[in-house]
Amino acid sequence: MGGAKKMDPNKLTLKAQEALQEAKSIAEKKASPANRGGAPFVCLLAQKDGVVIPILQKLGANPDLIHSQLENELNRIPQVTGRGAGQVYLSSRANEILNMAWKEAEALTDEYLSTEHLLIAIADEKQGGSYQILQRSGVTKDAIFRVLQEIRGSQRVTDQNPEDKYQALKTLQPGPYGRGEKGKARPGDRER
């Protein structure tokens, strides 16, 4: 792993791989050759069982509003027709976000690049629509680190599916094994 090394897709968590693949699909559908930073972020927000939505919720941000604002941002990207249409590549900005995410993973001594590393990098890039949307929502790199400490504790990302190990996620997410808002049990929930 590392900023200077070539990215090894096998060192991305499954959720990070899914987000990047879906971002590529979005770029293809929108006839935009560059897979920009906003597309992976939209895909992170679509992962209902991932770590990004609980982080944003814990910070008091509205993931649905952020998702809507990102969609609007993506819809403003010019489309390409004719020669070159359908050929998708990472924009220099998206590539920089990935490099920043790898550096965050290394700083946390994680073995895999995960979705939280991507979120941290987007919150720290200081340019582009995604960064501005996060700033308006009160989401900063430092705030993400504080919440991440609550969710992960001292756990490191050592495999491709770290979300299964984040017990704190189960207290944040609604569903058969989670809790309602702010970790409160819902009627009918049983202790597990």
N, C-alpha and C. Protein backbone atom coordinates (compact mmCIF):
# COMPACT_ATOMS: atom_id res chain seq x y z
N MET A 1 0.84 -1.17 0.00
CA MET A 1 0.00 0.00 0.00
C MET A 1 0.89 1.22 0.00
N GLY A 2 0.37 2.38 -0.35
CA GLY A 2 1.14 3.59 -0.25
C GLY A 2 0.82 4.55 -1.35
N GLY A 3 1.03 5.84 -1.07
CA GLY A 3 0.71 6.87 -2.03
C GLY A 3 1.54 6.78 -3.28
N ALA A 4 2.81 6.38 -3.17
CA ALA A 4 3.69 6.35 -4.32
C ALA A 4 3.57 5.04 -5.10
N LYS A 5 3.04 4.01 -4.47
CA LYS A 5 2.92 2.72 -5.13
C LYS A 5 1.68 2.69 -6.01
N LYS A 6 1.70 1.78 -6.98
CA LYS A 6 0.52 1.58 -7.81
C LYS A 6 -0.56 0.94 -6.95
N MET A 7 -1.78 1.43 -7.12
CA MET A 7 -2.88 0.93 -6.31
C MET A 7 -3.16 -0.53 -6.63
N ASP A 8 -3.24 -1.33 -5.59
CA ASP A 8 -3.58 -2.75 -5.71
C ASP A 8 -5.05 -2.91 -5.37
N PRO A 9 -5.90 -3.22 -6.36
CA PRO A 9 -7.33 -3.35 -6.09
C PRO A 9 -7.65 -4.41 -5.05
N ASN A 10 -6.76 -5.36 -4.86
CA ASN A 10 -6.96 -6.38 -3.84
C ASN A 10 -6.76 -5.84 -2.43
N LYS A 11 -6.26 -4.62 -2.31
CA LYS A 11 -6.07 -3.99 -1.01
C LYS A 11 -7.16 -2.97 -0.70
N LEU A 12 -8.26 -3.05 -1.44
CA LEU A 12 -9.45 -2.25 -1.16
C LEU A 12 -10.46 -3.16 -0.50
N THR A 13 -11.19 -2.63 0.47
CA THR A 13 -12.25 -3.44 1.06
C THR A 13 -13.34 -3.66 0.01
N LEU A 14 -14.19 -4.63 0.27
CA LEU A 14 -15.28 -4.93 -0.66
C LEU A 14 -16.18 -3.71 -0.87
N LYS A 15 -16.47 -2.98 0.19
CA LYS A 15 -17.32 -1.79 0.08
C LYS A 15 -16.63 -0.70 -0.74
N ALA A 16 -15.33 -0.53 -0.59
CA ALA A 16 -14.61 0.47 -1.39
C ALA A 16 -14.60 0.05 -2.85
N GLN A 17 -14.39 -1.23 -3.11
CA GLN A 17 -14.43 -1.74 -4.49
C GLN A 17 -15.81 -1.51 -5.11
N GLU A 18 -16.86 -1.82 -4.34
CA GLU A 18 -18.22 -1.62 -4.84
C GLU A 18 -18.48 -0.16 -5.18
N ALA A 19 -18.04 0.76 -4.31
CA ALA A 19 -18.25 2.19 -4.55
C ALA A 19 -17.53 2.65 -5.81
N LEU A 20 -16.30 2.22 -6.00
CA LEU A 20 -15.54 2.65 -7.18
C LEU A 20 -16.12 2.04 -8.45
N GLN A 21 -16.57 0.79 -8.38
CA GLN A 21 -17.18 0.16 -9.55
C GLN A 21 -18.49 0.85 -9.92
N GLU A 22 -19.28 1.15 -8.92
CA GLU A 22 -20.55 1.83 -9.17
C GLU A 22 -20.31 3.24 -9.70
N ALA A 23 -19.26 3.90 -9.21
CA ALA A 23 -18.92 5.24 -9.72
C ALA A 23 -18.56 5.17 -11.20
N LYS A 24 -17.87 4.12 -11.58
CA LYS A 24 -17.54 3.93 -13.00
C LYS A 24 -18.82 3.76 -13.81
N SER A 25 -19.75 3.00 -13.29
CA SER A 25 -21.03 2.79 -13.98
C SER A 25 -21.80 4.11 -14.12
N ILE A 26 -21.77 4.93 -13.08
CA ILE A 26 -22.44 6.23 -13.14
C ILE A 26 -21.81 7.09 -14.23
N ALA A 27 -20.48 7.10 -14.28
CA ALA A 27 -19.79 7.90 -15.30
C ALA A 27 -20.16 7.41 -16.70
N GLU A 28 -20.26 6.09 -16.88
CA GLU A 28 -20.64 5.55 -18.18
C GLU A 28 -22.07 5.93 -18.54
N LYS A 29 -22.99 5.85 -17.58
CA LYS A 29 -24.39 6.19 -17.83
C LYS A 29 -24.56 7.67 -18.15
N LYS A 30 -23.79 8.50 -17.49
CA LYS A 30 -23.90 9.94 -17.69
C LYS A 30 -23.06 10.42 -18.87
N ALA A 31 -22.43 9.49 -19.57
CA ALA A 31 -21.57 9.82 -20.72
C ALA A 31 -20.52 10.85 -20.33
N SER A 32 -19.97 10.66 -19.14
CA SER A 32 -18.91 11.54 -18.66
C SER A 32 -17.63 10.70 -18.60
N PRO A 33 -16.61 11.07 -19.37
CA PRO A 33 -15.42 10.23 -19.41
C PRO A 33 -14.63 10.21 -18.11
N ALA A 34 -14.72 11.27 -17.34
CA ALA A 34 -13.93 11.34 -16.12
C ALA A 34 -14.76 10.87 -14.93
N ASN A 35 -14.24 9.92 -14.20
CA ASN A 35 -14.84 9.45 -12.97
C ASN A 35 -14.35 10.40 -11.89
N ARG A 36 -15.15 11.43 -11.61
CA ARG A 36 -14.74 12.49 -10.69
C ARG A 36 -14.98 12.09 -9.23
N GLY A 37 -14.55 12.94 -8.32
CA GLY A 37 -14.65 12.65 -6.89
C GLY A 37 -16.06 12.51 -6.38
N GLY A 38 -17.02 13.20 -6.98
CA GLY A 38 -18.39 13.15 -6.49
C GLY A 38 -19.06 11.81 -6.71
N ALA A 39 -18.74 11.14 -7.80
CA ALA A 39 -19.40 9.87 -8.11
C ALA A 39 -19.10 8.80 -7.05
N PRO A 40 -17.83 8.61 -6.64
CA PRO A 40 -17.60 7.63 -5.57
C PRO A 40 -18.31 8.00 -4.27
N PHE A 41 -18.41 9.31 -3.99
CA PHE A 41 -19.06 9.74 -2.76
C PHE A 41 -20.55 9.42 -2.79
N VAL A 42 -21.19 9.65 -3.94
CA VAL A 42 -22.61 9.29 -4.09
C VAL A 42 -22.77 7.79 -3.82
N CYS A 43 -21.84 7.01 -4.33
CA CYS A 43 -21.93 5.55 -4.16
C CYS A 43 -21.71 5.14 -2.70
N LEU A 44 -20.88 5.86 -1.98
CA LEU A 44 -20.68 5.58 -0.57
C LEU A 44 -21.98 5.82 0.19
N LEU A 45 -22.72 6.85 -0.22
CA LEU A 45 -23.98 7.18 0.44
C LEU A 45 -25.09 6.19 0.08
N ALA A 46 -24.90 5.43 -0.97
CA ALA A 46 -25.89 4.43 -1.36
C ALA A 46 -25.69 3.12 -0.60
N GLN A 47 -24.58 2.98 0.10
CA GLN A 47 -24.30 1.75 0.84
C GLN A 47 -24.96 1.81 2.22
N LYS A 48 -26.17 1.32 2.27
CA LYS A 48 -26.96 1.41 3.51
C LYS A 48 -26.37 0.60 4.65
N ASP A 49 -25.56 -0.40 4.35
CA ASP A 49 -24.97 -1.22 5.41
C ASP A 49 -23.49 -0.90 5.60
N GLY A 50 -23.05 0.22 5.10
CA GLY A 50 -21.66 0.63 5.24
C GLY A 50 -21.44 1.51 6.45
N VAL A 51 -20.28 2.09 6.53
CA VAL A 51 -19.90 2.89 7.69
C VAL A 51 -20.10 4.39 7.45
N VAL A 52 -20.21 4.83 6.19
CA VAL A 52 -20.28 6.26 5.88
C VAL A 52 -21.56 6.90 6.40
N ILE A 53 -22.70 6.28 6.17
CA ILE A 53 -23.97 6.87 6.63
C ILE A 53 -24.00 7.01 8.16
N PRO A 54 -23.63 5.97 8.92
CA PRO A 54 -23.62 6.16 10.38
C PRO A 54 -22.65 7.25 10.84
N ILE A 55 -21.52 7.41 10.17
CA ILE A 55 -20.60 8.48 10.53
C ILE A 55 -21.28 9.83 10.33
N LEU A 56 -21.88 10.02 9.17
CA LEU A 56 -22.55 11.29 8.88
C LEU A 56 -23.69 11.56 9.85
N GLN A 57 -24.47 10.53 10.15
CA GLN A 57 -25.58 10.69 11.09
C GLN A 57 -25.08 11.07 12.47
N LYS A 58 -24.01 10.44 12.91
CA LYS A 58 -23.46 10.75 14.23
C LYS A 58 -22.93 12.18 14.30
N LEU A 59 -22.56 12.72 13.15
CA LEU A 59 -22.08 14.10 13.08
C LEU A 59 -23.24 15.09 12.94
N GLY A 60 -24.47 14.58 12.91
CA GLY A 60 -25.63 15.45 12.80
C GLY A 60 -25.94 15.88 11.37
N ALA A 61 -25.26 15.27 10.40
CA ALA A 61 -25.51 15.60 9.00
C ALA A 61 -26.66 14.74 8.47
N ASN A 62 -27.28 15.21 7.41
CA ASN A 62 -28.39 14.50 6.79
C ASN A 62 -27.88 13.80 5.53
N PRO A 63 -27.64 12.48 5.58
CA PRO A 63 -27.11 11.78 4.41
C PRO A 63 -27.99 11.90 3.16
N ASP A 64 -29.31 11.94 3.34
CA ASP A 64 -30.20 12.07 2.18
C ASP A 64 -30.03 13.43 1.50
N LEU A 65 -29.90 14.47 2.30
CA LEU A 65 -29.70 15.82 1.75
C LEU A 65 -28.34 15.90 1.04
N ILE A 66 -27.31 15.34 1.66
CA ILE A 66 -25.98 15.33 1.04
C ILE A 66 -26.04 14.56 -0.27
N HIS A 67 -26.71 13.41 -0.28
CA HIS A 67 -26.85 12.60 -1.49
C HIS A 67 -27.53 13.41 -2.59
N SER A 68 -28.60 14.10 -2.25
CA SER A 68 -29.34 14.92 -3.23
C SER A 68 -28.46 16.03 -3.79
N GLN A 69 -27.72 16.70 -2.92
CA GLN A 69 -26.83 17.78 -3.37
C GLN A 69 -25.72 17.25 -4.27
N LEU A 70 -25.19 16.07 -3.96
CA LEU A 70 -24.16 15.46 -4.80
C LEU A 70 -24.73 15.07 -6.16
N GLU A 71 -25.94 14.53 -6.18
CA GLU A 71 -26.59 14.18 -7.45
C GLU A 71 -26.72 15.43 -8.32
N ASN A 72 -27.16 16.54 -7.72
CA ASN A 72 -27.27 17.80 -8.47
C ASN A 72 -25.92 18.22 -9.03
N GLU A 73 -24.89 18.06 -8.23
CA GLU A 73 -23.53 18.41 -8.66
C GLU A 73 -23.11 17.54 -9.85
N LEU A 74 -23.38 16.25 -9.77
CA LEU A 74 -23.01 15.33 -10.85
C LEU A 74 -23.79 15.62 -12.13
N ASN A 75 -25.03 16.05 -11.97
CA ASN A 75 -25.85 16.34 -13.15
C ASN A 75 -25.36 17.56 -13.92
N ARG A 76 -24.53 18.38 -13.29
CA ARG A 76 -23.98 19.57 -13.96
C ARG A 76 -22.73 19.26 -14.79
N ILE A 77 -22.20 18.06 -14.65
CA ILE A 77 -20.99 17.68 -15.39
C ILE A 77 -21.34 17.52 -16.86
N PRO A 78 -20.57 18.13 -17.75
CA PRO A 78 -20.86 18.00 -19.18
C PRO A 78 -20.74 16.56 -19.65
N GLN A 79 -21.59 16.21 -20.60
CA GLN A 79 -21.56 14.88 -21.19
C GLN A 79 -20.75 14.92 -22.47
N VAL A 80 -20.15 13.78 -22.79
CA VAL A 80 -19.35 13.65 -24.00
C VAL A 80 -20.11 12.76 -24.98
N THR A 81 -20.17 13.21 -26.22
CA THR A 81 -20.77 12.39 -27.26
C THR A 81 -19.76 12.24 -28.38
N GLY A 82 -19.98 11.26 -29.22
CA GLY A 82 -19.07 11.04 -30.34
C GLY A 82 -17.82 10.31 -29.92
N ARG A 83 -16.73 10.63 -30.56
CA ARG A 83 -15.46 9.97 -30.30
C ARG A 83 -15.04 10.15 -28.84
N GLY A 84 -14.68 9.06 -28.20
CA GLY A 84 -14.24 9.11 -26.81
C GLY A 84 -15.37 8.84 -25.83
N ALA A 85 -16.61 8.89 -26.30
CA ALA A 85 -17.74 8.60 -25.41
C ALA A 85 -17.67 7.14 -24.98
N GLY A 86 -17.97 6.89 -23.73
CA GLY A 86 -17.96 5.52 -23.24
C GLY A 86 -16.63 5.09 -22.65
N GLN A 87 -15.58 5.87 -22.88
CA GLN A 87 -14.27 5.55 -22.28
C GLN A 87 -14.17 6.30 -20.96
N VAL A 88 -14.12 5.56 -19.87
CA VAL A 88 -14.12 6.16 -18.55
C VAL A 88 -12.73 6.05 -17.93
N TYR A 89 -12.29 7.11 -17.32
CA TYR A 89 -11.01 7.13 -16.62
C TYR A 89 -11.18 7.92 -15.32
N LEU A 90 -10.25 7.76 -14.41
CA LEU A 90 -10.26 8.54 -13.18
C LEU A 90 -9.77 9.94 -13.48
N SER A 91 -10.52 10.93 -13.06
CA SER A 91 -10.04 12.30 -13.21
C SER A 91 -8.84 12.50 -12.29
N SER A 92 -8.09 13.54 -12.53
CA SER A 92 -6.93 13.80 -11.66
C SER A 92 -7.39 14.05 -10.23
N ARG A 93 -8.56 14.68 -10.06
CA ARG A 93 -9.09 14.93 -8.72
C ARG A 93 -9.48 13.63 -8.03
N ALA A 94 -10.16 12.73 -8.73
CA ALA A 94 -10.54 11.44 -8.14
C ALA A 94 -9.30 10.62 -7.80
N ASN A 95 -8.30 10.69 -8.66
CA ASN A 95 -7.05 9.99 -8.41
C ASN A 95 -6.36 10.55 -7.16
N GLU A 96 -6.40 11.87 -7.01
CA GLU A 96 -5.81 12.50 -5.83
C GLU A 96 -6.56 12.08 -4.56
N ILE A 97 -7.89 11.99 -4.65
CA ILE A 97 -8.67 11.53 -3.50
C ILE A 97 -8.27 10.11 -3.11
N LEU A 98 -8.09 9.25 -4.11
CA LEU A 98 -7.65 7.87 -3.81
C LEU A 98 -6.28 7.86 -3.16
N ASN A 99 -5.37 8.68 -3.67
CA ASN A 99 -4.03 8.75 -3.07
C ASN A 99 -4.09 9.25 -1.64
N MET A 100 -4.94 10.27 -1.40
CA MET A 100 -5.10 10.79 -0.03
C MET A 100 -5.71 9.70 0.87
N ALA A 101 -6.65 8.94 0.34
CA ALA A 101 -7.28 7.87 1.12
C ALA A 101 -6.25 6.80 1.50
N TRP A 102 -5.36 6.46 0.55
CA TRP A 102 -4.30 5.49 0.87
C TRP A 102 -3.41 6.02 2.00
N LYS A 103 -3.10 7.30 1.94
CA LYS A 103 -2.26 7.89 3.00
C LYS A 103 -2.97 7.83 4.35
N GLU A 104 -4.29 8.06 4.35
CA GLU A 104 -5.06 7.97 5.60
C GLU A 104 -5.05 6.54 6.12
N ALA A 105 -5.20 5.58 5.23
CA ALA A 105 -5.16 4.17 5.64
C ALA A 105 -3.81 3.84 6.26
N GLU A 106 -2.76 4.32 5.64
CA GLU A 106 -1.42 4.07 6.19
C GLU A 106 -1.24 4.74 7.54
N ALA A 107 -1.73 5.97 7.67
CA ALA A 107 -1.59 6.69 8.94
C ALA A 107 -2.33 5.97 10.07
N LEU A 108 -3.42 5.30 9.72
CA LEU A 108 -4.18 4.53 10.71
C LEU A 108 -3.65 3.10 10.85
N THR A 109 -2.57 2.80 10.17
CA THR A 109 -1.94 1.47 10.11
C THR A 109 -2.92 0.39 9.67
N ASP A 110 -3.81 0.76 8.75
CA ASP A 110 -4.76 -0.19 8.19
C ASP A 110 -4.11 -0.89 7.01
N GLU A 111 -4.48 -2.13 6.81
CA GLU A 111 -3.91 -2.93 5.73
C GLU A 111 -4.70 -2.80 4.43
N TYR A 112 -5.94 -2.30 4.53
CA TYR A 112 -6.81 -2.15 3.36
C TYR A 112 -7.37 -0.74 3.33
N LEU A 113 -7.63 -0.26 2.12
CA LEU A 113 -8.29 1.03 1.96
C LEU A 113 -9.79 0.77 2.07
N SER A 114 -10.44 1.48 2.97
CA SER A 114 -11.86 1.27 3.24
C SER A 114 -12.64 2.54 2.94
N THR A 115 -13.96 2.44 3.05
CA THR A 115 -14.82 3.57 2.72
C THR A 115 -14.59 4.76 3.65
N GLU A 116 -14.24 4.51 4.91
CA GLU A 116 -13.98 5.63 5.80
C GLU A 116 -12.75 6.42 5.37
N HIS A 117 -11.77 5.75 4.78
CA HIS A 117 -10.59 6.45 4.28
C HIS A 117 -10.98 7.36 3.11
N LEU A 118 -11.87 6.87 2.26
CA LEU A 118 -12.36 7.69 1.14
C LEU A 118 -13.11 8.91 1.66
N LEU A 119 -13.97 8.71 2.66
CA LEU A 119 -14.71 9.84 3.24
C LEU A 119 -13.76 10.87 3.84
N ILE A 120 -12.77 10.41 4.57
CA ILE A 120 -11.79 11.33 5.17
C ILE A 120 -11.09 12.13 4.08
N ALA A 121 -10.67 11.45 3.01
CA ALA A 121 -9.97 12.13 1.92
C ALA A 121 -10.87 13.17 1.24
N ILE A 122 -12.14 12.82 1.02
CA ILE A 122 -13.07 13.77 0.40
C ILE A 122 -13.26 14.98 1.31
N ALA A 123 -13.35 14.75 2.61
CA ALA A 123 -13.54 15.84 3.56
C ALA A 123 -12.31 16.71 3.70
N ASP A 124 -11.17 16.22 3.23
CA ASP A 124 -9.91 16.96 3.38
C ASP A 124 -9.38 17.52 2.07
N GLU A 125 -10.07 17.29 0.96
CA GLU A 125 -9.51 17.68 -0.34
C GLU A 125 -9.53 19.18 -0.60
N LYS A 126 -10.41 19.92 0.07
CA LYS A 126 -10.47 21.37 0.02
C LYS A 126 -10.75 21.96 -1.36
N GLN A 127 -11.36 21.17 -2.22
CA GLN A 127 -11.79 21.68 -3.51
C GLN A 127 -12.93 20.81 -4.01
N GLY A 128 -13.66 21.31 -4.95
CA GLY A 128 -14.73 20.51 -5.54
C GLY A 128 -16.01 20.54 -4.75
N GLY A 129 -17.06 20.10 -5.40
CA GLY A 129 -18.39 20.13 -4.82
C GLY A 129 -18.56 19.25 -3.61
N SER A 130 -17.97 18.07 -3.60
CA SER A 130 -18.12 17.13 -2.49
C SER A 130 -17.61 17.73 -1.19
N TYR A 131 -16.45 18.34 -1.26
CA TYR A 131 -15.85 18.98 -0.07
C TYR A 131 -16.76 20.09 0.43
N GLN A 132 -17.25 20.92 -0.48
CA GLN A 132 -18.09 22.05 -0.09
C GLN A 132 -19.40 21.58 0.53
N ILE A 133 -19.98 20.52 -0.02
CA ILE A 133 -21.22 19.97 0.53
C ILE A 133 -20.98 19.45 1.95
N LEU A 134 -19.88 18.76 2.16
CA LEU A 134 -19.56 18.26 3.50
C LEU A 134 -19.34 19.42 4.47
N GLN A 135 -18.63 20.44 4.03
CA GLN A 135 -18.39 21.60 4.89
C GLN A 135 -19.70 22.26 5.31
N ARG A 136 -20.60 22.44 4.37
CA ARG A 136 -21.90 23.06 4.68
C ARG A 136 -22.69 22.20 5.67
N SER A 137 -22.44 20.91 5.67
CA SER A 137 -23.13 19.99 6.58
C SER A 137 -22.40 19.83 7.90
N GLY A 138 -21.28 20.52 8.08
CA GLY A 138 -20.52 20.45 9.32
C GLY A 138 -19.64 19.22 9.44
N VAL A 139 -19.35 18.58 8.31
CA VAL A 139 -18.55 17.36 8.31
C VAL A 139 -17.10 17.72 7.93
N THR A 140 -16.21 17.54 8.89
CA THR A 140 -14.79 17.84 8.67
C THR A 140 -13.96 16.58 8.92
N LYS A 141 -12.73 16.64 8.48
CA LYS A 141 -11.82 15.51 8.69
C LYS A 141 -11.68 15.20 10.18
N ASP A 142 -11.46 16.22 10.99
CA ASP A 142 -11.29 15.99 12.43
C ASP A 142 -12.54 15.39 13.07
N ALA A 143 -13.71 15.87 12.65
CA ALA A 143 -14.96 15.34 13.19
C ALA A 143 -15.14 13.87 12.80
N ILE A 144 -14.78 13.54 11.57
CA ILE A 144 -14.88 12.14 11.12
C ILE A 144 -13.97 11.26 11.97
N PHE A 145 -12.75 11.73 12.24
CA PHE A 145 -11.83 10.94 13.08
C PHE A 145 -12.41 10.68 14.46
N ARG A 146 -13.06 11.70 15.05
CA ARG A 146 -13.65 11.51 16.39
C ARG A 146 -14.73 10.42 16.36
N VAL A 147 -15.60 10.48 15.37
CA VAL A 147 -16.67 9.48 15.28
C VAL A 147 -16.11 8.11 14.93
N LEU A 148 -15.13 8.10 14.07
CA LEU A 148 -14.51 6.84 13.67
C LEU A 148 -13.89 6.14 14.88
N GLN A 149 -13.33 6.90 15.78
CA GLN A 149 -12.77 6.33 17.01
C GLN A 149 -13.86 5.65 17.82
N GLU A 150 -15.05 6.26 17.87
CA GLU A 150 -16.18 5.65 18.58
C GLU A 150 -16.62 4.36 17.91
N ILE A 151 -16.67 4.37 16.58
CA ILE A 151 -17.17 3.21 15.83
C ILE A 151 -16.15 2.08 15.80
N ARG A 152 -14.91 2.42 15.51
CA ARG A 152 -13.87 1.39 15.33
C ARG A 152 -13.13 1.06 16.60
N GLY A 153 -13.03 2.03 17.48
CA GLY A 153 -12.17 1.84 18.65
C GLY A 153 -10.73 1.69 18.17
N SER A 154 -10.04 0.70 18.69
CA SER A 154 -8.65 0.48 18.30
C SER A 154 -8.53 -0.53 17.16
N GLN A 155 -9.66 -0.98 16.63
CA GLN A 155 -9.62 -1.96 15.55
C GLN A 155 -9.01 -1.35 14.29
N ARG A 156 -8.28 -2.18 13.58
CA ARG A 156 -7.68 -1.77 12.31
C ARG A 156 -8.40 -2.49 11.18
N VAL A 157 -8.27 -1.96 9.98
CA VAL A 157 -8.83 -2.63 8.81
C VAL A 157 -7.79 -3.64 8.34
N THR A 158 -8.06 -4.91 8.64
CA THR A 158 -7.09 -5.97 8.33
C THR A 158 -7.60 -6.97 7.31
N ASP A 159 -8.81 -6.75 6.81
CA ASP A 159 -9.35 -7.62 5.77
C ASP A 159 -10.32 -6.83 4.89
N GLN A 160 -10.92 -7.51 3.93
CA GLN A 160 -11.76 -6.81 2.96
C GLN A 160 -13.18 -6.56 3.45
N ASN A 161 -13.53 -6.97 4.65
CA ASN A 161 -14.88 -6.76 5.14
C ASN A 161 -14.86 -6.28 6.59
N PRO A 162 -14.32 -5.08 6.85
CA PRO A 162 -14.17 -4.64 8.24
C PRO A 162 -15.47 -4.24 8.92
N GLU A 163 -16.50 -3.87 8.14
CA GLU A 163 -17.74 -3.40 8.74
C GLU A 163 -18.37 -4.44 9.66
N ASP A 164 -18.16 -5.72 9.35
CA ASP A 164 -18.70 -6.78 10.21
C ASP A 164 -18.11 -6.74 11.61
N LYS A 165 -16.96 -6.14 11.74
CA LYS A 165 -16.27 -6.12 13.03
C LYS A 165 -16.59 -4.88 13.86
N TYR A 166 -17.21 -3.88 13.24
CA TYR A 166 -17.51 -2.64 13.95
C TYR A 166 -18.81 -2.80 14.71
N GLN A 167 -18.71 -3.25 15.94
CA GLN A 167 -19.91 -3.49 16.75
C GLN A 167 -20.71 -2.21 16.95
N ALA A 168 -20.05 -1.08 17.01
CA ALA A 168 -20.77 0.18 17.23
C ALA A 168 -21.72 0.48 16.08
N LEU A 169 -21.46 -0.04 14.89
CA LEU A 169 -22.36 0.17 13.76
C LEU A 169 -23.72 -0.43 14.05
N LYS A 170 -23.73 -1.55 14.72
CA LYS A 170 -25.00 -2.25 14.98
C LYS A 170 -25.89 -1.44 15.90
N THR A 171 -25.32 -0.55 16.70
CA THR A 171 -26.15 0.27 17.58
C THR A 171 -26.64 1.52 16.86
N LEU A 172 -26.14 1.80 15.67
CA LEU A 172 -26.53 2.99 14.93
C LEU A 172 -27.51 2.72 13.81
N GLN A 173 -27.49 1.50 13.28
CA GLN A 173 -28.29 1.23 12.09
C GLN A 173 -29.60 0.57 12.44
N PRO A 174 -30.68 1.03 11.80
CA PRO A 174 -31.94 0.35 11.98
C PRO A 174 -31.89 -0.99 11.28
N GLY A 175 -32.68 -1.91 11.69
CA GLY A 175 -32.72 -3.22 11.07
C GLY A 175 -32.85 -4.29 12.12
N PRO A 176 -32.90 -5.54 11.69
CA PRO A 176 -33.14 -6.62 12.64
C PRO A 176 -32.05 -6.79 13.69
N TYR A 177 -30.83 -6.35 13.39
CA TYR A 177 -29.74 -6.52 14.36
C TYR A 177 -29.26 -5.19 14.92
N GLY A 178 -29.83 -4.10 14.48
CA GLY A 178 -29.39 -2.79 14.93
C GLY A 178 -30.39 -2.16 15.86
N ARG A 179 -30.18 -0.92 16.10
CA ARG A 179 -31.06 -0.15 16.97
C ARG A 179 -31.58 1.02 16.15
N GLY A 180 -32.54 1.69 16.69
CA GLY A 180 -33.08 2.87 16.04
C GLY A 180 -32.12 4.04 16.19
N GLU A 181 -32.63 5.23 15.98
CA GLU A 181 -31.83 6.44 16.09
C GLU A 181 -31.14 6.53 17.44
N LYS A 182 -29.95 7.03 17.44
CA LYS A 182 -29.14 7.28 18.63
C LYS A 182 -28.99 6.06 19.53
N GLY A 183 -29.04 4.85 18.91
CA GLY A 183 -28.75 3.64 19.65
C GLY A 183 -29.86 3.16 20.56
N LYS A 184 -31.05 3.76 20.46
CA LYS A 184 -32.15 3.35 21.33
C LYS A 184 -32.85 2.15 20.75
N ALA A 185 -33.22 1.24 21.62
CA ALA A 185 -33.96 0.06 21.17
C ALA A 185 -35.33 0.48 20.67
N ARG A 186 -35.79 -0.19 19.65
CA ARG A 186 -37.11 0.06 19.12
C ARG A 186 -38.07 -0.95 19.72
N PRO A 187 -39.35 -0.64 19.75
CA PRO A 187 -40.30 -1.64 20.24
C PRO A 187 -40.14 -2.94 19.46
N GLY A 188 -40.12 -4.04 20.13
CA GLY A 188 -39.99 -5.33 19.47
C GLY A 188 -38.55 -5.80 19.33
N ASP A 189 -37.57 -4.93 19.58
CA ASP A 189 -36.17 -5.35 19.50
C ASP A 189 -35.85 -6.22 20.72
N ARG A 190 -35.04 -7.22 20.49
CA ARG A 190 -34.55 -8.07 21.57
C ARG A 190 -33.06 -7.85 21.72
N GLU A 191 -32.56 -8.02 22.90
CA GLU A 191 -31.12 -7.93 23.11
C GLU A 191 -30.46 -9.12 22.42
N ARG A 192 -29.35 -8.92 21.80
CA ARG A 192 -28.65 -10.00 21.09
C ARG A 192 -27.30 -10.18 21.71
